[in-house]
Amino acid sequence: MHLVAEAIADIPELGERTLYIKTFDYTIKVKVTTDSVLGWIAKYWQYFLGTIAIPLVGWFWTLYSKRKEKKEKEV
């Protein structure tokens, strides 16, 4: 993970511009285990379903439907 903090300063002499100043830049090593992933899924299952599981089911259903159509056209 890469953490960056920026300070925003309005400078009157330059008009309505915003100046971004990087104040902090640090790389953090993160270890992900199976238990931590499963724990996250158990706690936030609704986000998992909404962003990963439901779209995957839709994608597989589309593939299945296309294969079924192709087989029916061949017959």
PDB file of N, CA and C in Angstrom:
ATOM      1  N   MET A   1       0.857  -1.150   0.000  1.00  0.00           N
ATOM      2  CA  MET A   1       0.000   0.000   0.000  1.00  0.00           C
ATOM      3  C   MET A   1       0.908   1.218   0.000  1.00  0.00           C
ATOM      4  N   HIS A   2       0.492   2.223  -0.727  1.00  0.00           N
ATOM      5  CA  HIS A   2       1.282   3.450  -0.825  1.00  0.00           C
ATOM      6  C   HIS A   2       0.440   4.589  -0.252  1.00  0.00           C
ATOM      7  N   LEU A   3       0.945   5.245   0.795  1.00  0.00           N
ATOM      8  CA  LEU A   3       0.231   6.317   1.474  1.00  0.00           C
ATOM      9  C   LEU A   3       0.867   7.650   1.116  1.00  0.00           C
ATOM     10  N   VAL A   4       0.034   8.576   0.627  1.00  0.00           N
ATOM     11  CA  VAL A   4       0.503   9.914   0.284  1.00  0.00           C
ATOM     12  C   VAL A   4      -0.448  10.916   0.912  1.00  0.00           C
ATOM     13  N   ALA A   5       0.096  11.907   1.581  1.00  0.00           N
ATOM     14  CA  ALA A   5      -0.704  12.988   2.147  1.00  0.00           C
ATOM     15  C   ALA A   5      -0.331  14.285   1.437  1.00  0.00           C
ATOM     16  N   GLU A   6      -1.328  15.065   1.069  1.00  0.00           N
ATOM     17  CA  GLU A   6      -1.078  16.325   0.399  1.00  0.00           C
ATOM     18  C   GLU A   6      -1.768  17.444   1.159  1.00  0.00           C
ATOM     19  N   ALA A   7      -1.119  18.589   1.201  1.00  0.00           N
ATOM     20  CA  ALA A   7      -1.722  19.774   1.809  1.00  0.00           C
ATOM     21  C   ALA A   7      -2.224  20.668   0.680  1.00  0.00           C
ATOM     22  N   ILE A   8      -3.394  21.240   0.851  1.00  0.00           N
ATOM     23  CA  ILE A   8      -3.972  22.120  -0.155  1.00  0.00           C
ATOM     24  C   ILE A   8      -3.900  23.545   0.374  1.00  0.00           C
ATOM     25  N   ALA A   9      -3.325  24.430  -0.433  1.00  0.00           N
ATOM     26  CA  ALA A   9      -3.178  25.828  -0.023  1.00  0.00           C
ATOM     27  C   ALA A   9      -3.654  26.734  -1.147  1.00  0.00           C
ATOM     28  N   ASP A  10      -4.567  27.650  -0.854  1.00  0.00           N
ATOM     29  CA  ASP A  10      -4.994  28.645  -1.837  1.00  0.00           C
ATOM     30  C   ASP A  10      -3.997  29.795  -1.828  1.00  0.00           C
ATOM     31  N   ILE A  11      -3.557  30.183  -3.010  1.00  0.00           N
ATOM     32  CA  ILE A  11      -2.570  31.256  -3.117  1.00  0.00           C
ATOM     33  C   ILE A  11      -3.228  32.460  -3.797  1.00  0.00           C
ATOM     34  N   PRO A  12      -3.445  33.542  -3.045  1.00  0.00           N
ATOM     35  CA  PRO A  12      -4.153  34.705  -3.590  1.00  0.00           C
ATOM     36  C   PRO A  12      -3.436  35.369  -4.772  1.00  0.00           C
ATOM     37  N   GLU A  13      -2.111  35.383  -4.771  1.00  0.00           N
ATOM     38  CA  GLU A  13      -1.364  36.051  -5.841  1.00  0.00           C
ATOM     39  C   GLU A  13      -1.523  35.352  -7.187  1.00  0.00           C
ATOM     40  N   LEU A  14      -1.887  34.083  -7.186  1.00  0.00           N
ATOM     41  CA  LEU A  14      -2.022  33.321  -8.423  1.00  0.00           C
ATOM     42  C   LEU A  14      -3.474  33.202  -8.890  1.00  0.00           C
ATOM     43  N   GLY A  15      -4.367  33.906  -8.253  1.00  0.00           N
ATOM     44  CA  GLY A  15      -5.776  33.846  -8.640  1.00  0.00           C
ATOM     45  C   GLY A  15      -6.469  32.689  -7.933  1.00  0.00           C
ATOM     46  N   GLU A  16      -7.429  32.077  -8.602  1.00  0.00           N
ATOM     47  CA  GLU A  16      -8.245  31.009  -8.022  1.00  0.00           C
ATOM     48  C   GLU A  16      -7.603  29.634  -8.223  1.00  0.00           C
ATOM     49  N   ARG A  17      -6.343  29.489  -8.062  1.00  0.00           N
ATOM     50  CA  ARG A  17      -5.646  28.212  -8.217  1.00  0.00           C
ATOM     51  C   ARG A  17      -5.439  27.556  -6.856  1.00  0.00           C
ATOM     52  N   THR A  18      -5.337  26.258  -6.887  1.00  0.00           N
ATOM     53  CA  THR A  18      -5.037  25.513  -5.672  1.00  0.00           C
ATOM     54  C   THR A  18      -3.689  24.843  -5.857  1.00  0.00           C
ATOM     55  N   LEU A  19      -2.828  24.958  -4.880  1.00  0.00           N
ATOM     56  CA  LEU A  19      -1.495  24.387  -4.932  1.00  0.00           C
ATOM     57  C   LEU A  19      -1.477  23.109  -4.101  1.00  0.00           C
ATOM     58  N   TYR A  20      -1.088  21.998  -4.703  1.00  0.00           N
ATOM     59  CA  TYR A  20      -0.980  20.727  -3.995  1.00  0.00           C
ATOM     60  C   TYR A  20       0.474  20.514  -3.595  1.00  0.00           C
ATOM     61  N   ILE A  21       0.708  20.347  -2.317  1.00  0.00           N
ATOM     62  CA  ILE A  21       2.059  20.144  -1.803  1.00  0.00           C
ATOM     63  C   ILE A  21       2.112  18.763  -1.153  1.00  0.00           C
ATOM     64  N   LYS A  22       2.988  17.901  -1.659  1.00  0.00           N
ATOM     65  CA  LYS A  22       3.130  16.572  -1.076  1.00  0.00           C
ATOM     66  C   LYS A  22       3.871  16.701   0.248  1.00  0.00           C
ATOM     67  N   THR A  23       3.208  16.312   1.330  1.00  0.00           N
ATOM     68  CA  THR A  23       3.802  16.473   2.652  1.00  0.00           C
ATOM     69  C   THR A  23       4.273  15.154   3.249  1.00  0.00           C
ATOM     70  N   PHE A  24       3.776  14.036   2.693  1.00  0.00           N
ATOM     71  CA  PHE A  24       4.097  12.739   3.266  1.00  0.00           C
ATOM     72  C   PHE A  24       4.016  11.698   2.173  1.00  0.00           C
ATOM     73  N   ASP A  25       4.996  10.809   2.098  1.00  0.00           N
ATOM     74  CA  ASP A  25       5.020   9.751   1.089  1.00  0.00           C
ATOM     75  C   ASP A  25       5.668   8.533   1.725  1.00  0.00           C
ATOM     76  N   TYR A  26       4.896   7.447   1.884  1.00  0.00           N
ATOM     77  CA  TYR A  26       5.407   6.286   2.598  1.00  0.00           C
ATOM     78  C   TYR A  26       4.811   5.011   2.011  1.00  0.00           C
ATOM     79  N   THR A  27       5.619   3.976   1.874  1.00  0.00           N
ATOM     80  CA  THR A  27       5.160   2.675   1.409  1.00  0.00           C
ATOM     81  C   THR A  27       4.981   1.760   2.617  1.00  0.00           C
ATOM     82  N   ILE A  28       3.825   1.111   2.692  1.00  0.00           N
ATOM     83  CA  ILE A  28       3.492   0.234   3.812  1.00  0.00           C
ATOM     84  C   ILE A  28       3.323  -1.186   3.290  1.00  0.00           C
ATOM     85  N   LYS A  29       4.038  -2.129   3.883  1.00  0.00           N
ATOM     86  CA  LYS A  29       3.884  -3.527   3.507  1.00  0.00           C
ATOM     87  C   LYS A  29       2.695  -4.118   4.261  1.00  0.00           C
ATOM     88  N   VAL A  30       1.797  -4.792   3.532  1.00  0.00           N
ATOM     89  CA  VAL A  30       0.593  -5.361   4.124  1.00  0.00           C
ATOM     90  C   VAL A  30       0.580  -6.853   3.838  1.00  0.00           C
ATOM     91  N   LYS A  31       0.341  -7.656   4.864  1.00  0.00           N
ATOM     92  CA  LYS A  31       0.257  -9.101   4.694  1.00  0.00           C
ATOM     93  C   LYS A  31      -1.216  -9.509   4.757  1.00  0.00           C
ATOM     94  N   VAL A  32      -1.683 -10.161   3.706  1.00  0.00           N
ATOM     95  CA  VAL A  32      -3.077 -10.601   3.635  1.00  0.00           C
ATOM     96  C   VAL A  32      -3.110 -12.114   3.768  1.00  0.00           C
ATOM     97  N   THR A  33      -3.892 -12.602   4.720  1.00  0.00           N
ATOM     98  CA  THR A  33      -4.029 -14.042   4.916  1.00  0.00           C
ATOM     99  C   THR A  33      -5.435 -14.485   4.533  1.00  0.00           C
ATOM    100  N   THR A  34      -5.594 -15.778   4.390  1.00  0.00           N
ATOM    101  CA  THR A  34      -6.910 -16.325   4.069  1.00  0.00           C
ATOM    102  C   THR A  34      -7.914 -15.988   5.162  1.00  0.00           C
ATOM    103  N   ASP A  35      -7.493 -16.087   6.404  1.00  0.00           N
ATOM    104  CA  ASP A  35      -8.389 -15.767   7.522  1.00  0.00           C
ATOM    105  C   ASP A  35      -8.835 -14.305   7.489  1.00  0.00           C
ATOM    106  N   SER A  36      -7.926 -13.401   7.140  1.00  0.00           N
ATOM    107  CA  SER A  36      -8.308 -11.991   7.106  1.00  0.00           C
ATOM    108  C   SER A  36      -9.290 -11.715   5.975  1.00  0.00           C
ATOM    109  N   VAL A  37      -9.108 -12.374   4.825  1.00  0.00           N
ATOM    110  CA  VAL A  37     -10.034 -12.193   3.700  1.00  0.00           C
ATOM    111  C   VAL A  37     -11.400 -12.764   4.050  1.00  0.00           C
ATOM    112  N   LEU A  38     -11.433 -13.968   4.597  1.00  0.00           N
ATOM    113  CA  LEU A  38     -12.705 -14.582   4.972  1.00  0.00           C
ATOM    114  C   LEU A  38     -13.402 -13.785   6.071  1.00  0.00           C
ATOM    115  N   GLY A  39     -12.631 -13.241   7.000  1.00  0.00           N
ATOM    116  CA  GLY A  39     -13.200 -12.401   8.047  1.00  0.00           C
ATOM    117  C   GLY A  39     -13.816 -11.135   7.479  1.00  0.00           C
ATOM    118  N   TRP A  40     -13.148 -10.541   6.483  1.00  0.00           N
ATOM    119  CA  TRP A  40     -13.689  -9.351   5.838  1.00  0.00           C
ATOM    120  C   TRP A  40     -14.990  -9.684   5.107  1.00  0.00           C
ATOM    121  N   ILE A  41     -14.994 -10.805   4.386  1.00  0.00           N
ATOM    122  CA  ILE A  41     -16.205 -11.209   3.663  1.00  0.00           C
ATOM    123  C   ILE A  41     -17.349 -11.460   4.639  1.00  0.00           C
ATOM    124  N   ALA A  42     -17.064 -12.102   5.781  1.00  0.00           N
ATOM    125  CA  ALA A  42     -18.109 -12.362   6.769  1.00  0.00           C
ATOM    126  C   ALA A  42     -18.666 -11.058   7.345  1.00  0.00           C
ATOM    127  N   LYS A  43     -17.800 -10.071   7.535  1.00  0.00           N
ATOM    128  CA  LYS A  43     -18.234  -8.815   8.134  1.00  0.00           C
ATOM    129  C   LYS A  43     -18.926  -7.901   7.123  1.00  0.00           C
ATOM    130  N   TYR A  44     -18.405  -7.871   5.900  1.00  0.00           N
ATOM    131  CA  TYR A  44     -18.919  -6.961   4.879  1.00  0.00           C
ATOM    132  C   TYR A  44     -19.463  -7.733   3.678  1.00  0.00           C
ATOM    133  N   TRP A  45     -20.256  -8.760   3.925  1.00  0.00           N
ATOM    134  CA  TRP A  45     -20.740  -9.634   2.865  1.00  0.00           C
ATOM    135  C   TRP A  45     -21.558  -8.879   1.820  1.00  0.00           C
ATOM    136  N   GLN A  46     -22.275  -7.832   2.218  1.00  0.00           N
ATOM    137  CA  GLN A  46     -23.106  -7.112   1.260  1.00  0.00           C
ATOM    138  C   GLN A  46     -22.251  -6.403   0.211  1.00  0.00           C
ATOM    139  N   TYR A  47     -21.086  -5.892   0.608  1.00  0.00           N
ATOM    140  CA  TYR A  47     -20.189  -5.249  -0.355  1.00  0.00           C
ATOM    141  C   TYR A  47     -19.565  -6.290  -1.279  1.00  0.00           C
ATOM    142  N   PHE A  48     -19.222  -7.438  -0.713  1.00  0.00           N
ATOM    143  CA  PHE A  48     -18.652  -8.515  -1.509  1.00  0.00           C
ATOM    144  C   PHE A  48     -19.643  -8.964  -2.579  1.00  0.00           C
ATOM    145  N   LEU A  49     -20.902  -9.177  -2.175  1.00  0.00           N
ATOM    146  CA  LEU A  49     -21.920  -9.604  -3.139  1.00  0.00           C
ATOM    147  C   LEU A  49     -22.138  -8.559  -4.220  1.00  0.00           C
ATOM    148  N   GLY A  50     -22.215  -7.307  -3.819  1.00  0.00           N
ATOM    149  CA  GLY A  50     -22.505  -6.239  -4.771  1.00  0.00           C
ATOM    150  C   GLY A  50     -21.400  -5.953  -5.761  1.00  0.00           C
ATOM    151  N   THR A  51     -20.157  -6.145  -5.359  1.00  0.00           N
ATOM    152  CA  THR A  51     -19.053  -5.780  -6.242  1.00  0.00           C
ATOM    153  C   THR A  51     -18.390  -6.958  -6.937  1.00  0.00           C
ATOM    154  N   ILE A  52     -18.498  -8.159  -6.368  1.00  0.00           N
ATOM    155  CA  ILE A  52     -17.792  -9.300  -6.948  1.00  0.00           C
ATOM    156  C   ILE A  52     -18.729 -10.437  -7.325  1.00  0.00           C
ATOM    157  N   ALA A  53     -19.495 -10.954  -6.383  1.00  0.00           N
ATOM    158  CA  ALA A  53     -20.278 -12.161  -6.606  1.00  0.00           C
ATOM    159  C   ALA A  53     -21.386 -11.965  -7.638  1.00  0.00           C
ATOM    160  N   ILE A  54     -22.207 -10.941  -7.486  1.00  0.00           N
ATOM    161  CA  ILE A  54     -23.327 -10.733  -8.410  1.00  0.00           C
ATOM    162  C   ILE A  54     -22.839 -10.459  -9.834  1.00  0.00           C
ATOM    163  N   PRO A  55     -21.847  -9.588 -10.050  1.00  0.00           N
ATOM    164  CA  PRO A  55     -21.351  -9.408 -11.422  1.00  0.00           C
ATOM    165  C   PRO A  55     -20.771 -10.698 -12.015  1.00  0.00           C
ATOM    166  N   LEU A  56     -20.097 -11.517 -11.198  1.00  0.00           N
ATOM    167  CA  LEU A  56     -19.566 -12.777 -11.714  1.00  0.00           C
ATOM    168  C   LEU A  56     -20.682 -13.723 -12.144  1.00  0.00           C
ATOM    169  N   VAL A  57     -21.739 -13.812 -11.356  1.00  0.00           N
ATOM    170  CA  VAL A  57     -22.872 -14.658 -11.723  1.00  0.00           C
ATOM    171  C   VAL A  57     -23.479 -14.160 -13.031  1.00  0.00           C
ATOM    172  N   GLY A  58     -23.624 -12.859 -13.179  1.00  0.00           N
ATOM    173  CA  GLY A  58     -24.151 -12.296 -14.426  1.00  0.00           C
ATOM    174  C   GLY A  58     -23.269 -12.613 -15.615  1.00  0.00           C
ATOM    175  N   TRP A  59     -21.970 -12.525 -15.425  1.00  0.00           N
ATOM    176  CA  TRP A  59     -21.028 -12.813 -16.505  1.00  0.00           C
ATOM    177  C   TRP A  59     -21.107 -14.283 -16.905  1.00  0.00           C
ATOM    178  N   PHE A  60     -21.131 -15.184 -15.908  1.00  0.00           N
ATOM    179  CA  PHE A  60     -21.253 -16.611 -16.215  1.00  0.00           C
ATOM    180  C   PHE A  60     -22.586 -16.916 -16.895  1.00  0.00           C
ATOM    181  N   TRP A  61     -23.659 -16.267 -16.480  1.00  0.00           N
ATOM    182  CA  TRP A  61     -24.968 -16.478 -17.106  1.00  0.00           C
ATOM    183  C   TRP A  61     -24.935 -16.040 -18.572  1.00  0.00           C
ATOM    184  N   THR A  62     -24.270 -14.931 -18.859  1.00  0.00           N
ATOM    185  CA  THR A  62     -24.141 -14.471 -20.241  1.00  0.00           C
ATOM    186  C   THR A  62     -23.364 -15.481 -21.075  1.00  0.00           C
ATOM    187  N   LEU A  63     -22.260 -15.992 -20.536  1.00  0.00           N
ATOM    188  CA  LEU A  63     -21.492 -17.017 -21.269  1.00  0.00           C
ATOM    189  C   LEU A  63     -22.341 -18.257 -21.519  1.00  0.00           C
ATOM    190  N   TYR A  64     -23.064 -18.700 -20.516  1.00  0.00           N
ATOM    191  CA  TYR A  64     -23.926 -19.873 -20.641  1.00  0.00           C
ATOM    192  C   TYR A  64     -24.997 -19.649 -21.715  1.00  0.00           C
ATOM    193  N   SER A  65     -25.612 -18.483 -21.705  1.00  0.00           N
ATOM    194  CA  SER A  65     -26.666 -18.178 -22.673  1.00  0.00           C
ATOM    195  C   SER A  65     -26.128 -18.154 -24.095  1.00  0.00           C
ATOM    196  N   LYS A  66     -24.945 -17.572 -24.279  1.00  0.00           N
ATOM    197  CA  LYS A  66     -24.343 -17.519 -25.621  1.00  0.00           C
ATOM    198  C   LYS A  66     -24.005 -18.916 -26.119  1.00  0.00           C
ATOM    199  N   ARG A  67     -23.486 -19.771 -25.256  1.00  0.00           N
ATOM    200  CA  ARG A  67     -23.177 -21.144 -25.658  1.00  0.00           C
ATOM    201  C   ARG A  67     -24.446 -21.903 -26.018  1.00  0.00           C
ATOM    202  N   LYS A  68     -25.488 -21.692 -25.235  1.00  0.00           N
ATOM    203  CA  LYS A  68     -26.760 -22.366 -25.487  1.00  0.00           C
ATOM    204  C   LYS A  68     -27.331 -21.922 -26.832  1.00  0.00           C
ATOM    205  N   GLU A  69     -27.278 -20.624 -27.138  1.00  0.00           N
ATOM    206  CA  GLU A  69     -27.752 -20.106 -28.422  1.00  0.00           C
ATOM    207  C   GLU A  69     -26.955 -20.692 -29.574  1.00  0.00           C
ATOM    208  N   LYS A  70     -25.642 -20.770 -29.396  1.00  0.00           N
ATOM    209  CA  LYS A  70     -24.774 -21.296 -30.453  1.00  0.00           C
ATOM    210  C   LYS A  70     -25.106 -22.759 -30.733  1.00  0.00           C
ATOM    211  N   LYS A  71     -25.340 -23.562 -29.691  1.00  0.00           N
ATOM    212  CA  LYS A  71     -25.690 -24.974 -29.874  1.00  0.00           C
ATOM    213  C   LYS A  71     -27.038 -25.109 -30.568  1.00  0.00           C
ATOM    214  N   GLU A  72     -28.011 -24.249 -30.233  1.00  0.00           N
ATOM    215  CA  GLU A  72     -29.331 -24.319 -30.838  1.00  0.00           C
ATOM    216  C   GLU A  72     -29.263 -23.935 -32.320  1.00  0.00           C
ATOM    217  N   LYS A  73     -28.407 -23.009 -32.693  1.00  0.00           N
ATOM    218  CA  LYS A  73     -28.250 -22.611 -34.096  1.00  0.00           C
ATOM    219  C   LYS A  73     -27.593 -23.708 -34.909  1.00  0.00           C
ATOM    220  N   GLU A  74     -26.687 -24.476 -34.293  1.00  0.00           N
ATOM    221  CA  GLU A  74     -25.993 -25.548 -35.001  1.00  0.00           C
ATOM    222  C   GLU A  74     -26.928 -26.704 -35.326  1.00  0.00           C
ATOM    223  N   VAL A  75     -27.942 -26.910 -34.508  1.00  0.00           N
ATOM    224  CA  VAL A  75     -28.849 -28.060 -34.683  1.00  0.00           C
ATOM    225  C   VAL A  75     -29.848 -27.791 -35.754  1.00  0.00           C
TER     226      VAL A  75
END
